[in-house]
């Protein structure tokens, strides 16, 4: 069941302890999201709230865990995800995020995150 495996993988992100492996895994996430991989975004985009949360956490860690190239792509993906999600879902994710990731979400939601 690749969808279940991908859901588990997504739940383990972001990777922080191994900076080299973090960049690889977060780059792979970027490629999967760019391609709209249904195993990551879920049926009918059901995983988008979790994706938004993971992206905020990755971006809050900065270039220590993601390459500059993938960081810029993840920002663009986060902006698209936030346009897709209902406001209630965005607010629910905000409440569950660490402070630095909350700041990323707030800035992205207001169009100020670059």
PDB file of N, CA and C in Angstrom:
ATOM      1  N   UNK A   1       0.853  -1.187   0.000  1.00  0.00           N
ATOM      2  CA  UNK A   1       0.000   0.000   0.000  1.00  0.00           C
ATOM      3  C   UNK A   1       0.897   1.249   0.000  1.00  0.00           C
ATOM      4  N   UNK A   2       1.174   1.772  -1.183  1.00  0.00           N
ATOM      5  CA  UNK A   2       2.080   2.920  -1.272  1.00  0.00           C
ATOM      6  C   UNK A   2       1.466   4.181  -0.674  1.00  0.00           C
ATOM      7  N   UNK A   3       0.155   4.320  -0.733  1.00  0.00           N
ATOM      8  CA  UNK A   3      -0.484   5.501  -0.144  1.00  0.00           C
ATOM      9  C   UNK A   3      -0.270   5.519   1.371  1.00  0.00           C
ATOM     10  N   UNK A   4      -0.396   4.371   2.001  1.00  0.00           N
ATOM     11  CA  UNK A   4      -0.163   4.276   3.442  1.00  0.00           C
ATOM     12  C   UNK A   4       1.281   4.536   3.803  1.00  0.00           C
ATOM     13  N   UNK A   5       2.180   4.030   2.980  1.00  0.00           N
ATOM     14  CA  UNK A   5       3.603   4.253   3.198  1.00  0.00           C
ATOM     15  C   UNK A   5       3.937   5.735   3.057  1.00  0.00           C
ATOM     16  N   UNK A   6       3.372   6.384   2.046  1.00  0.00           N
ATOM     17  CA  UNK A   6       3.622   7.808   1.843  1.00  0.00           C
ATOM     18  C   UNK A   6       3.047   8.631   2.993  1.00  0.00           C
ATOM     19  N   UNK A   7       1.880   8.245   3.496  1.00  0.00           N
ATOM     20  CA  UNK A   7       1.278   8.957   4.621  1.00  0.00           C
ATOM     21  C   UNK A   7       2.180   8.848   5.853  1.00  0.00           C
ATOM     22  N   UNK A   8       2.745   7.654   6.068  1.00  0.00           N
ATOM     23  CA  UNK A   8       3.666   7.476   7.192  1.00  0.00           C
ATOM     24  C   UNK A   8       4.908   8.331   6.991  1.00  0.00           C
ATOM     25  N   UNK A   9       5.473   8.299   5.774  1.00  0.00           N
ATOM     26  CA  UNK A   9       6.672   9.086   5.465  1.00  0.00           C
ATOM     27  C   UNK A   9       6.415  10.568   5.736  1.00  0.00           C
ATOM     28  N   UNK A  10       5.268  11.062   5.255  1.00  0.00           N
ATOM     29  CA  UNK A  10       4.911  12.468   5.450  1.00  0.00           C
ATOM     30  C   UNK A  10       4.810  12.795   6.941  1.00  0.00           C
ATOM     31  N   UNK A  11       4.293  11.855   7.718  1.00  0.00           N
ATOM     32  CA  UNK A  11       4.136  12.095   9.160  1.00  0.00           C
ATOM     33  C   UNK A  11       5.481  12.188   9.884  1.00  0.00           C
ATOM     34  N   UNK A  12       6.544  11.708   9.265  1.00  0.00           N
ATOM     35  CA  UNK A  12       7.870  11.741   9.882  1.00  0.00           C
ATOM     36  C   UNK A  12       8.655  13.004   9.532  1.00  0.00           C
ATOM     37  N   UNK A  13       8.100  13.813   8.672  1.00  0.00           N
ATOM     38  CA  UNK A  13       8.771  15.041   8.245  1.00  0.00           C
ATOM     39  C   UNK A  13       8.374  16.208   9.139  1.00  0.00           C
ATOM     40  N   UNK A  14       9.205  17.192   9.335  1.00  0.00           N
ATOM     41  CA  UNK A  14      10.516  17.350   8.726  1.00  0.00           C
ATOM     42  C   UNK A  14      11.592  16.563   9.455  1.00  0.00           C
ATOM     43  N   UNK A  15      12.624  16.236   8.726  1.00  0.00           N
ATOM     44  CA  UNK A  15      13.802  15.612   9.308  1.00  0.00           C
ATOM     45  C   UNK A  15      14.716  16.741   9.773  1.00  0.00           C
ATOM     46  N   UNK A  16      15.221  16.629  10.987  1.00  0.00           N
ATOM     47  CA  UNK A  16      16.084  17.683  11.533  1.00  0.00           C
ATOM     48  C   UNK A  16      17.455  17.167  11.960  1.00  0.00           C
ATOM     49  N   UNK A  17      17.513  15.944  12.448  1.00  0.00           N
ATOM     50  CA  UNK A  17      18.746  15.440  13.052  1.00  0.00           C
ATOM     51  C   UNK A  17      19.875  15.273  12.043  1.00  0.00           C
ATOM     52  N   UNK A  18      19.583  14.752  10.885  1.00  0.00           N
ATOM     53  CA  UNK A  18      20.592  14.521   9.851  1.00  0.00           C
ATOM     54  C   UNK A  18      20.354  15.537   8.741  1.00  0.00           C
ATOM     55  N   UNK A  19      21.121  16.608   8.753  1.00  0.00           N
ATOM     56  CA  UNK A  19      20.910  17.726   7.822  1.00  0.00           C
ATOM     57  C   UNK A  19      21.066  17.295   6.366  1.00  0.00           C
ATOM     58  N   UNK A  20      22.007  16.406   6.084  1.00  0.00           N
ATOM     59  CA  UNK A  20      22.205  15.941   4.713  1.00  0.00           C
ATOM     60  C   UNK A  20      20.984  15.151   4.245  1.00  0.00           C
ATOM     61  N   UNK A  21      20.536  14.217   5.067  1.00  0.00           N
ATOM     62  CA  UNK A  21      19.370  13.406   4.710  1.00  0.00           C
ATOM     63  C   UNK A  21      18.111  14.267   4.664  1.00  0.00           C
ATOM     64  N   UNK A  22      18.048  15.274   5.519  1.00  0.00           N
ATOM     65  CA  UNK A  22      16.900  16.188   5.516  1.00  0.00           C
ATOM     66  C   UNK A  22      16.756  16.862   4.159  1.00  0.00           C
ATOM     67  N   UNK A  23      17.861  17.341   3.622  1.00  0.00           N
ATOM     68  CA  UNK A  23      17.809  18.020   2.320  1.00  0.00           C
ATOM     69  C   UNK A  23      17.358  17.070   1.224  1.00  0.00           C
ATOM     70  N   UNK A  24      17.790  15.827   1.296  1.00  0.00           N
ATOM     71  CA  UNK A  24      17.375  14.828   0.304  1.00  0.00           C
ATOM     72  C   UNK A  24      15.874  14.555   0.426  1.00  0.00           C
ATOM     73  N   UNK A  25      15.417  14.271   1.637  1.00  0.00           N
ATOM     74  CA  UNK A  25      14.001  13.942   1.852  1.00  0.00           C
ATOM     75  C   UNK A  25      13.094  15.119   1.530  1.00  0.00           C
ATOM     76  N   UNK A  26      13.483  16.313   1.926  1.00  0.00           N
ATOM     77  CA  UNK A  26      12.649  17.487   1.671  1.00  0.00           C
ATOM     78  C   UNK A  26      12.659  17.850   0.186  1.00  0.00           C
ATOM     79  N   UNK A  27      13.768  17.583  -0.495  1.00  0.00           N
ATOM     80  CA  UNK A  27      13.813  17.759  -1.938  1.00  0.00           C
ATOM     81  C   UNK A  27      12.871  16.782  -2.629  1.00  0.00           C
ATOM     82  N   UNK A  28      12.838  15.540  -2.132  1.00  0.00           N
ATOM     83  CA  UNK A  28      11.916  14.538  -2.695  1.00  0.00           C
ATOM     84  C   UNK A  28      10.470  14.967  -2.466  1.00  0.00           C
ATOM     85  N   UNK A  29      10.172  15.482  -1.283  1.00  0.00           N
ATOM     86  CA  UNK A  29       8.816  15.981  -1.012  1.00  0.00           C
ATOM     87  C   UNK A  29       8.462  17.070  -2.012  1.00  0.00           C
ATOM     88  N   UNK A  30       9.385  17.968  -2.256  1.00  0.00           N
ATOM     89  CA  UNK A  30       9.160  19.048  -3.214  1.00  0.00           C
ATOM     90  C   UNK A  30       8.811  18.482  -4.588  1.00  0.00           C
ATOM     91  N   UNK A  31       9.584  17.508  -5.059  1.00  0.00           N
ATOM     92  CA  UNK A  31       9.330  16.915  -6.376  1.00  0.00           C
ATOM     93  C   UNK A  31       7.970  16.214  -6.421  1.00  0.00           C
ATOM     94  N   UNK A  32       7.620  15.507  -5.356  1.00  0.00           N
ATOM     95  CA  UNK A  32       6.332  14.818  -5.311  1.00  0.00           C
ATOM     96  C   UNK A  32       5.171  15.808  -5.320  1.00  0.00           C
ATOM     97  N   UNK A  33       5.321  16.894  -4.577  1.00  0.00           N
ATOM     98  CA  UNK A  33       4.258  17.904  -4.546  1.00  0.00           C
ATOM     99  C   UNK A  33       4.151  18.643  -5.879  1.00  0.00           C
ATOM    100  N   UNK A  34       5.284  18.929  -6.494  1.00  0.00           N
ATOM    101  CA  UNK A  34       5.254  19.597  -7.797  1.00  0.00           C
ATOM    102  C   UNK A  34       4.525  18.756  -8.837  1.00  0.00           C
ATOM    103  N   UNK A  35       4.672  17.449  -8.728  1.00  0.00           N
ATOM    104  CA  UNK A  35       4.015  16.559  -9.691  1.00  0.00           C
ATOM    105  C   UNK A  35       2.574  16.257  -9.298  1.00  0.00           C
ATOM    106  N   UNK A  36       2.150  16.734  -8.128  1.00  0.00           N
ATOM    107  CA  UNK A  36       0.780  16.494  -7.673  1.00  0.00           C
ATOM    108  C   UNK A  36       0.524  15.043  -7.308  1.00  0.00           C
ATOM    109  N   UNK A  37       1.550  14.359  -6.839  1.00  0.00           N
ATOM    110  CA  UNK A  37       1.453  12.939  -6.513  1.00  0.00           C
ATOM    111  C   UNK A  37       0.302  12.684  -5.534  1.00  0.00           C
ATOM    112  N   UNK A  38      -0.672  11.925  -5.991  1.00  0.00           N
ATOM    113  CA  UNK A  38      -1.874  11.668  -5.192  1.00  0.00           C
ATOM    114  C   UNK A  38      -1.563  10.913  -3.908  1.00  0.00           C
ATOM    115  N   UNK A  39      -0.455  10.161  -3.887  1.00  0.00           N
ATOM    116  CA  UNK A  39      -0.098   9.440  -2.661  1.00  0.00           C
ATOM    117  C   UNK A  39       0.311  10.404  -1.562  1.00  0.00           C
ATOM    118  N   UNK A  40       0.769  11.593  -1.937  1.00  0.00           N
ATOM    119  CA  UNK A  40       1.183  12.594  -0.943  1.00  0.00           C
ATOM    120  C   UNK A  40       0.028  13.542  -0.636  1.00  0.00           C
ATOM    121  N   UNK A  41      -0.614  14.078  -1.656  1.00  0.00           N
ATOM    122  CA  UNK A  41      -1.689  15.050  -1.416  1.00  0.00           C
ATOM    123  C   UNK A  41      -2.980  14.383  -0.971  1.00  0.00           C
ATOM    124  N   UNK A  42      -3.101  13.086  -1.212  1.00  0.00           N
ATOM    125  CA  UNK A  42      -4.276  12.341  -0.776  1.00  0.00           C
ATOM    126  C   UNK A  42      -5.432  12.440  -1.754  1.00  0.00           C
ATOM    127  N   UNK A  43      -6.360  11.548  -1.572  1.00  0.00           N
ATOM    128  CA  UNK A  43      -7.558  11.549  -2.403  1.00  0.00           C
ATOM    129  C   UNK A  43      -8.331  12.837  -2.147  1.00  0.00           C
ATOM    130  N   UNK A  44      -8.688  13.519  -3.202  1.00  0.00           N
ATOM    131  CA  UNK A  44      -9.395  14.802  -3.102  1.00  0.00           C
ATOM    132  C   UNK A  44      -8.629  15.808  -2.231  1.00  0.00           C
ATOM    133  N   UNK A  45      -7.294  15.744  -2.299  1.00  0.00           N
ATOM    134  CA  UNK A  45      -6.415  16.660  -1.552  1.00  0.00           C
ATOM    135  C   UNK A  45      -6.599  16.575  -0.037  1.00  0.00           C
ATOM    136  N   UNK A  46      -6.977  15.407   0.437  1.00  0.00           N
ATOM    137  CA  UNK A  46      -7.269  15.234   1.864  1.00  0.00           C
ATOM    138  C   UNK A  46      -6.061  15.485   2.763  1.00  0.00           C
ATOM    139  N   UNK A  47      -4.855  15.310   2.234  1.00  0.00           N
ATOM    140  CA  UNK A  47      -3.657  15.482   3.055  1.00  0.00           C
ATOM    141  C   UNK A  47      -3.111  16.907   3.039  1.00  0.00           C
ATOM    142  N   UNK A  48      -3.759  17.817   2.338  1.00  0.00           N
ATOM    143  CA  UNK A  48      -3.212  19.169   2.222  1.00  0.00           C
ATOM    144  C   UNK A  48      -3.019  19.883   3.557  1.00  0.00           C
ATOM    145  N   UNK A  49      -3.904  19.722   4.533  1.00  0.00           N
ATOM    146  CA  UNK A  49      -3.615  20.365   5.825  1.00  0.00           C
ATOM    147  C   UNK A  49      -2.307  19.861   6.440  1.00  0.00           C
ATOM    148  N   UNK A  50      -2.072  18.552   6.376  1.00  0.00           N
ATOM    149  CA  UNK A  50      -0.824  17.998   6.901  1.00  0.00           C
ATOM    150  C   UNK A  50       0.360  18.474   6.067  1.00  0.00           C
ATOM    151  N   UNK A  51       0.185  18.538   4.757  1.00  0.00           N
ATOM    152  CA  UNK A  51       1.249  19.029   3.877  1.00  0.00           C
ATOM    153  C   UNK A  51       1.608  20.463   4.255  1.00  0.00           C
ATOM    154  N   UNK A  52       0.604  21.304   4.466  1.00  0.00           N
ATOM    155  CA  UNK A  52       0.859  22.699   4.849  1.00  0.00           C
ATOM    156  C   UNK A  52       1.644  22.762   6.149  1.00  0.00           C
ATOM    157  N   UNK A  53       1.273  21.940   7.102  1.00  0.00           N
ATOM    158  CA  UNK A  53       1.961  21.904   8.390  1.00  0.00           C
ATOM    159  C   UNK A  53       3.426  21.505   8.216  1.00  0.00           C
ATOM    160  N   UNK A  54       3.668  20.453   7.446  1.00  0.00           N
ATOM    161  CA  UNK A  54       5.035  19.983   7.210  1.00  0.00           C
ATOM    162  C   UNK A  54       5.853  21.060   6.499  1.00  0.00           C
ATOM    163  N   UNK A  55       5.263  21.698   5.494  1.00  0.00           N
ATOM    164  CA  UNK A  55       5.984  22.741   4.763  1.00  0.00           C
ATOM    165  C   UNK A  55       6.360  23.896   5.689  1.00  0.00           C
ATOM    166  N   UNK A  56       5.456  24.297   6.542  1.00  0.00           N
ATOM    167  CA  UNK A  56       5.758  25.380   7.484  1.00  0.00           C
ATOM    168  C   UNK A  56       6.897  25.000   8.421  1.00  0.00           C
ATOM    169  N   UNK A  57       6.893  23.756   8.886  1.00  0.00           N
ATOM    170  CA  UNK A  57       7.955  23.298   9.781  1.00  0.00           C
ATOM    171  C   UNK A  57       9.299  23.247   9.059  1.00  0.00           C
ATOM    172  N   UNK A  58       9.294  22.768   7.821  1.00  0.00           N
ATOM    173  CA  UNK A  58      10.537  22.718   7.042  1.00  0.00           C
ATOM    174  C   UNK A  58      11.060  24.131   6.815  1.00  0.00           C
ATOM    175  N   UNK A  59      10.196  25.015   6.359  1.00  0.00           N
ATOM    176  CA  UNK A  59      10.613  26.385   6.050  1.00  0.00           C
ATOM    177  C   UNK A  59      11.066  27.131   7.299  1.00  0.00           C
ATOM    178  N   UNK A  60      10.497  26.808   8.445  1.00  0.00           N
ATOM    179  CA  UNK A  60      10.904  27.441   9.696  1.00  0.00           C
ATOM    180  C   UNK A  60      12.336  27.060  10.077  1.00  0.00           C
ATOM    181  N   UNK A  61      12.780  25.897   9.636  1.00  0.00           N
ATOM    182  CA  UNK A  61      14.146  25.438   9.929  1.00  0.00           C
ATOM    183  C   UNK A  61      15.172  26.072   9.004  1.00  0.00           C
ATOM    184  N   UNK A  62      14.734  26.616   7.877  1.00  0.00           N
ATOM    185  CA  UNK A  62      15.638  27.302   6.960  1.00  0.00           C
ATOM    186  C   UNK A  62      16.491  26.365   6.131  1.00  0.00           C
ATOM    187  N   UNK A  63      17.550  26.934   5.564  1.00  0.00           N
ATOM    188  CA  UNK A  63      18.378  26.189   4.621  1.00  0.00           C
ATOM    189  C   UNK A  63      19.269  25.141   5.295  1.00  0.00           C
ATOM    190  N   UNK A  64      19.164  24.992   6.591  1.00  0.00           N
ATOM    191  CA  UNK A  64      19.882  23.898   7.250  1.00  0.00           C
ATOM    192  C   UNK A  64      19.281  22.554   6.857  1.00  0.00           C
ATOM    193  N   UNK A  65      17.977  22.534   6.527  1.00  0.00           N
ATOM    194  CA  UNK A  65      17.306  21.264   6.231  1.00  0.00           C
ATOM    195  C   UNK A  65      16.710  21.199   4.823  1.00  0.00           C
ATOM    196  N   UNK A  66      16.883  22.249   4.044  1.00  0.00           N
ATOM    197  CA  UNK A  66      16.365  22.241   2.669  1.00  0.00           C
ATOM    198  C   UNK A  66      17.265  23.143   1.824  1.00  0.00           C
ATOM    199  N   UNK A  67      17.526  22.716   0.591  1.00  0.00           N
ATOM    200  CA  UNK A  67      18.372  23.533  -0.286  1.00  0.00           C
ATOM    201  C   UNK A  67      17.648  24.832  -0.629  1.00  0.00           C
ATOM    202  N   UNK A  68      18.398  25.835  -1.019  1.00  0.00           N
ATOM    203  CA  UNK A  68      17.809  27.122  -1.392  1.00  0.00           C
ATOM    204  C   UNK A  68      16.831  26.947  -2.557  1.00  0.00           C
ATOM    205  N   UNK A  69      17.214  26.126  -3.525  1.00  0.00           N
ATOM    206  CA  UNK A  69      16.341  25.864  -4.682  1.00  0.00           C
ATOM    207  C   UNK A  69      15.016  25.264  -4.245  1.00  0.00           C
ATOM    208  N   UNK A  70      15.081  24.232  -3.410  1.00  0.00           N
ATOM    209  CA  UNK A  70      13.848  23.585  -2.964  1.00  0.00           C
ATOM    210  C   UNK A  70      13.079  24.473  -1.995  1.00  0.00           C
ATOM    211  N   UNK A  71      13.776  25.279  -1.219  1.00  0.00           N
ATOM    212  CA  UNK A  71      13.100  26.220  -0.312  1.00  0.00           C
ATOM    213  C   UNK A  71      12.190  27.139  -1.108  1.00  0.00           C
ATOM    214  N   UNK A  72      12.709  27.702  -2.185  1.00  0.00           N
ATOM    215  CA  UNK A  72      11.905  28.614  -3.003  1.00  0.00           C
ATOM    216  C   UNK A  72      10.709  27.903  -3.625  1.00  0.00           C
ATOM    217  N   UNK A  73      10.917  26.670  -4.058  1.00  0.00           N
ATOM    218  CA  UNK A  73       9.806  25.898  -4.627  1.00  0.00           C
ATOM    219  C   UNK A  73       8.774  25.550  -3.555  1.00  0.00           C
ATOM    220  N   UNK A  74       9.244  25.213  -2.364  1.00  0.00           N
ATOM    221  CA  UNK A  74       8.316  24.875  -1.280  1.00  0.00           C
ATOM    222  C   UNK A  74       7.495  26.087  -0.856  1.00  0.00           C
ATOM    223  N   UNK A  75       8.074  27.263  -0.910  1.00  0.00           N
ATOM    224  CA  UNK A  75       7.313  28.482  -0.607  1.00  0.00           C
ATOM    225  C   UNK A  75       6.174  28.638  -1.613  1.00  0.00           C
ATOM    226  N   UNK A  76       6.474  28.451  -2.892  1.00  0.00           N
ATOM    227  CA  UNK A  76       5.445  28.568  -3.929  1.00  0.00           C
ATOM    228  C   UNK A  76       4.365  27.507  -3.737  1.00  0.00           C
ATOM    229  N   UNK A  77       4.784  26.289  -3.391  1.00  0.00           N
ATOM    230  CA  UNK A  77       3.813  25.213  -3.149  1.00  0.00           C
ATOM    231  C   UNK A  77       2.952  25.543  -1.939  1.00  0.00           C
ATOM    232  N   UNK A  78       3.564  26.037  -0.857  1.00  0.00           N
ATOM    233  CA  UNK A  78       2.804  26.404   0.340  1.00  0.00           C
ATOM    234  C   UNK A  78       1.769  27.473   0.000  1.00  0.00           C
ATOM    235  N   UNK A  79       2.155  28.459  -0.775  1.00  0.00           N
ATOM    236  CA  UNK A  79       1.203  29.505  -1.159  1.00  0.00           C
ATOM    237  C   UNK A  79       0.015  28.917  -1.916  1.00  0.00           C
ATOM    238  N   UNK A  80       0.266  27.979  -2.820  1.00  0.00           N
ATOM    239  CA  UNK A  80      -0.830  27.333  -3.564  1.00  0.00           C
ATOM    240  C   UNK A  80      -1.710  26.507  -2.637  1.00  0.00           C
ATOM    241  N   UNK A  81      -1.072  25.777  -1.729  1.00  0.00           N
ATOM    242  CA  UNK A  81      -1.833  24.949  -0.782  1.00  0.00           C
ATOM    243  C   UNK A  81      -2.738  25.834   0.068  1.00  0.00           C
ATOM    244  N   UNK A  82      -2.210  26.947   0.549  1.00  0.00           N
ATOM    245  CA  UNK A  82      -3.011  27.839   1.396  1.00  0.00           C
ATOM    246  C   UNK A  82      -4.171  28.458   0.641  1.00  0.00           C
ATOM    247  N   UNK A  83      -4.029  28.655  -0.662  1.00  0.00           N
ATOM    248  CA  UNK A  83      -5.138  29.179  -1.465  1.00  0.00           C
ATOM    249  C   UNK A  83      -6.229  28.129  -1.640  1.00  0.00           C
ATOM    250  N   UNK A  84      -5.842  26.866  -1.554  1.00  0.00           N
ATOM    251  CA  UNK A  84      -6.773  25.759  -1.749  1.00  0.00           C
ATOM    252  C   UNK A  84      -7.549  25.422  -0.479  1.00  0.00           C
ATOM    253  N   UNK A  85      -6.885  25.561   0.659  1.00  0.00           N
ATOM    254  CA  UNK A  85      -7.487  25.148   1.925  1.00  0.00           C
ATOM    255  C   UNK A  85      -8.526  26.150   2.428  1.00  0.00           C
ATOM    256  N   UNK A  86      -9.589  25.652   3.039  1.00  0.00           N
ATOM    257  CA  UNK A  86     -10.525  26.556   3.718  1.00  0.00           C
ATOM    258  C   UNK A  86      -9.829  27.228   4.910  1.00  0.00           C
ATOM    259  N   UNK A  87     -10.250  28.429   5.226  1.00  0.00           N
ATOM    260  CA  UNK A  87      -9.656  29.183   6.336  1.00  0.00           C
ATOM    261  C   UNK A  87      -9.690  28.395   7.644  1.00  0.00           C
ATOM    262  N   UNK A  88     -10.762  27.639   7.872  1.00  0.00           N
ATOM    263  CA  UNK A  88     -10.865  26.861   9.108  1.00  0.00           C
ATOM    264  C   UNK A  88      -9.723  25.857   9.214  1.00  0.00           C
ATOM    265  N   UNK A  89      -9.369  25.239   8.093  1.00  0.00           N
ATOM    266  CA  UNK A  89      -8.277  24.261   8.093  1.00  0.00           C
ATOM    267  C   UNK A  89      -6.943  24.948   8.367  1.00  0.00           C
ATOM    268  N   UNK A  90      -6.756  26.135   7.825  1.00  0.00           N
ATOM    269  CA  UNK A  90      -5.523  26.887   8.054  1.00  0.00           C
ATOM    270  C   UNK A  90      -5.418  27.254   9.531  1.00  0.00           C
ATOM    271  N   UNK A  91      -6.510  27.716  10.116  1.00  0.00           N
ATOM    272  CA  UNK A  91      -6.505  28.090  11.541  1.00  0.00           C
ATOM    273  C   UNK A  91      -6.256  26.873  12.427  1.00  0.00           C
ATOM    274  N   UNK A  92      -6.816  25.731  12.060  1.00  0.00           N
ATOM    275  CA  UNK A  92      -6.606  24.517  12.845  1.00  0.00           C
ATOM    276  C   UNK A  92      -5.143  24.096  12.803  1.00  0.00           C
ATOM    277  N   UNK A  93      -4.510  24.197  11.641  1.00  0.00           N
ATOM    278  CA  UNK A  93      -3.094  23.850  11.528  1.00  0.00           C
ATOM    279  C   UNK A  93      -2.237  24.826  12.322  1.00  0.00           C
ATOM    280  N   UNK A  94      -2.583  26.105  12.257  1.00  0.00           N
ATOM    281  CA  UNK A  94      -1.823  27.140  12.959  1.00  0.00           C
ATOM    282  C   UNK A  94      -1.713  26.821  14.444  1.00  0.00           C
ATOM    283  N   UNK A  95      -2.807  26.425  15.035  1.00  0.00           N
ATOM    284  CA  UNK A  95      -2.843  26.165  16.471  1.00  0.00           C
ATOM    285  C   UNK A  95      -1.936  25.010  16.878  1.00  0.00           C
ATOM    286  N   UNK A  96      -1.638  24.110  15.954  1.00  0.00           N
ATOM    287  CA  UNK A  96      -0.850  22.928  16.275  1.00  0.00           C
ATOM    288  C   UNK A  96       0.639  23.085  15.971  1.00  0.00           C
ATOM    289  N   UNK A  97       1.019  24.196  15.376  1.00  0.00           N
ATOM    290  CA  UNK A  97       2.407  24.380  14.952  1.00  0.00           C
ATOM    291  C   UNK A  97       3.268  25.012  16.040  1.00  0.00           C
ATOM    292  N   UNK A  98       4.578  24.695  16.036  1.00  0.00           N
ATOM    293  CA  UNK A  98       5.502  25.430  16.908  1.00  0.00           C
ATOM    294  C   UNK A  98       5.544  26.903  16.483  1.00  0.00           C
ATOM    295  N   UNK A  99       6.025  27.762  17.359  1.00  0.00           N
ATOM    296  CA  UNK A  99       5.963  29.206  17.115  1.00  0.00           C
ATOM    297  C   UNK A  99       6.625  29.636  15.803  1.00  0.00           C
ATOM    298  N   UNK A 100       7.832  29.139  15.511  1.00  0.00           N
ATOM    299  CA  UNK A 100       8.514  29.539  14.271  1.00  0.00           C
ATOM    300  C   UNK A 100       7.710  29.129  13.041  1.00  0.00           C
ATOM    301  N   UNK A 101       7.122  27.948  13.089  1.00  0.00           N
ATOM    302  CA  UNK A 101       6.308  27.482  11.968  1.00  0.00           C
ATOM    303  C   UNK A 101       5.003  28.282  11.875  1.00  0.00           C
ATOM    304  N   UNK A 102       4.467  28.707  13.023  1.00  0.00           N
ATOM    305  CA  UNK A 102       3.281  29.573  13.011  1.00  0.00           C
ATOM    306  C   UNK A 102       3.595  30.879  12.289  1.00  0.00           C
ATOM    307  N   UNK A 103       4.773  31.416  12.538  1.00  0.00           N
ATOM    308  CA  UNK A 103       5.167  32.668  11.884  1.00  0.00           C
ATOM    309  C   UNK A 103       5.273  32.485  10.374  1.00  0.00           C
ATOM    310  N   UNK A 104       5.784  31.348   9.942  1.00  0.00           N
ATOM    311  CA  UNK A 104       5.853  31.050   8.506  1.00  0.00           C
ATOM    312  C   UNK A 104       4.443  31.002   7.935  1.00  0.00           C
ATOM    313  N   UNK A 105       3.549  30.293   8.606  1.00  0.00           N
ATOM    314  CA  UNK A 105       2.167  30.172   8.131  1.00  0.00           C
ATOM    315  C   UNK A 105       1.487  31.537   8.067  1.00  0.00           C
ATOM    316  N   UNK A 106       1.657  32.341   9.094  1.00  0.00           N
ATOM    317  CA  UNK A 106       1.045  33.674   9.113  1.00  0.00           C
ATOM    318  C   UNK A 106       1.553  34.528   7.952  1.00  0.00           C
ATOM    319  N   UNK A 107       2.855  34.503   7.737  1.00  0.00           N
ATOM    320  CA  UNK A 107       3.443  35.294   6.666  1.00  0.00           C
ATOM    321  C   UNK A 107       2.980  34.788   5.303  1.00  0.00           C
ATOM    322  N   UNK A 108       2.956  33.474   5.141  1.00  0.00           N
ATOM    323  CA  UNK A 108       2.514  32.897   3.859  1.00  0.00           C
ATOM    324  C   UNK A 108       1.041  33.195   3.605  1.00  0.00           C
ATOM    325  N   UNK A 109       0.221  33.074   4.635  1.00  0.00           N
ATOM    326  CA  UNK A 109      -1.210  33.309   4.482  1.00  0.00           C
ATOM    327  C   UNK A 109      -1.508  34.765   4.125  1.00  0.00           C
ATOM    328  N   UNK A 110      -0.635  35.670   4.566  1.00  0.00           N
ATOM    329  CA  UNK A 110      -0.850  37.083   4.258  1.00  0.00           C
ATOM    330  C   UNK A 110      -0.098  37.524   3.003  1.00  0.00           C
ATOM    331  N   UNK A 111       0.596  36.577   2.365  1.00  0.00           N
ATOM    332  CA  UNK A 111       1.323  36.900   1.143  1.00  0.00           C
ATOM    333  C   UNK A 111       2.656  37.581   1.371  1.00  0.00           C
ATOM    334  N   UNK A 112       3.168  37.534   2.607  1.00  0.00           N
ATOM    335  CA  UNK A 112       4.415  38.220   2.933  1.00  0.00           C
ATOM    336  C   UNK A 112       5.617  37.295   2.994  1.00  0.00           C
ATOM    337  N   UNK A 113       5.423  36.000   2.807  1.00  0.00           N
ATOM    338  CA  UNK A 113       6.555  35.076   2.953  1.00  0.00           C
ATOM    339  C   UNK A 113       7.212  34.834   1.609  1.00  0.00           C
ATOM    340  N   UNK A 114       8.529  35.083   1.567  1.00  0.00           N
ATOM    341  CA  UNK A 114       9.258  34.886   0.313  1.00  0.00           C
ATOM    342  C   UNK A 114      10.531  34.132   0.547  1.00  0.00           C
TER     343      UNK A 114
END
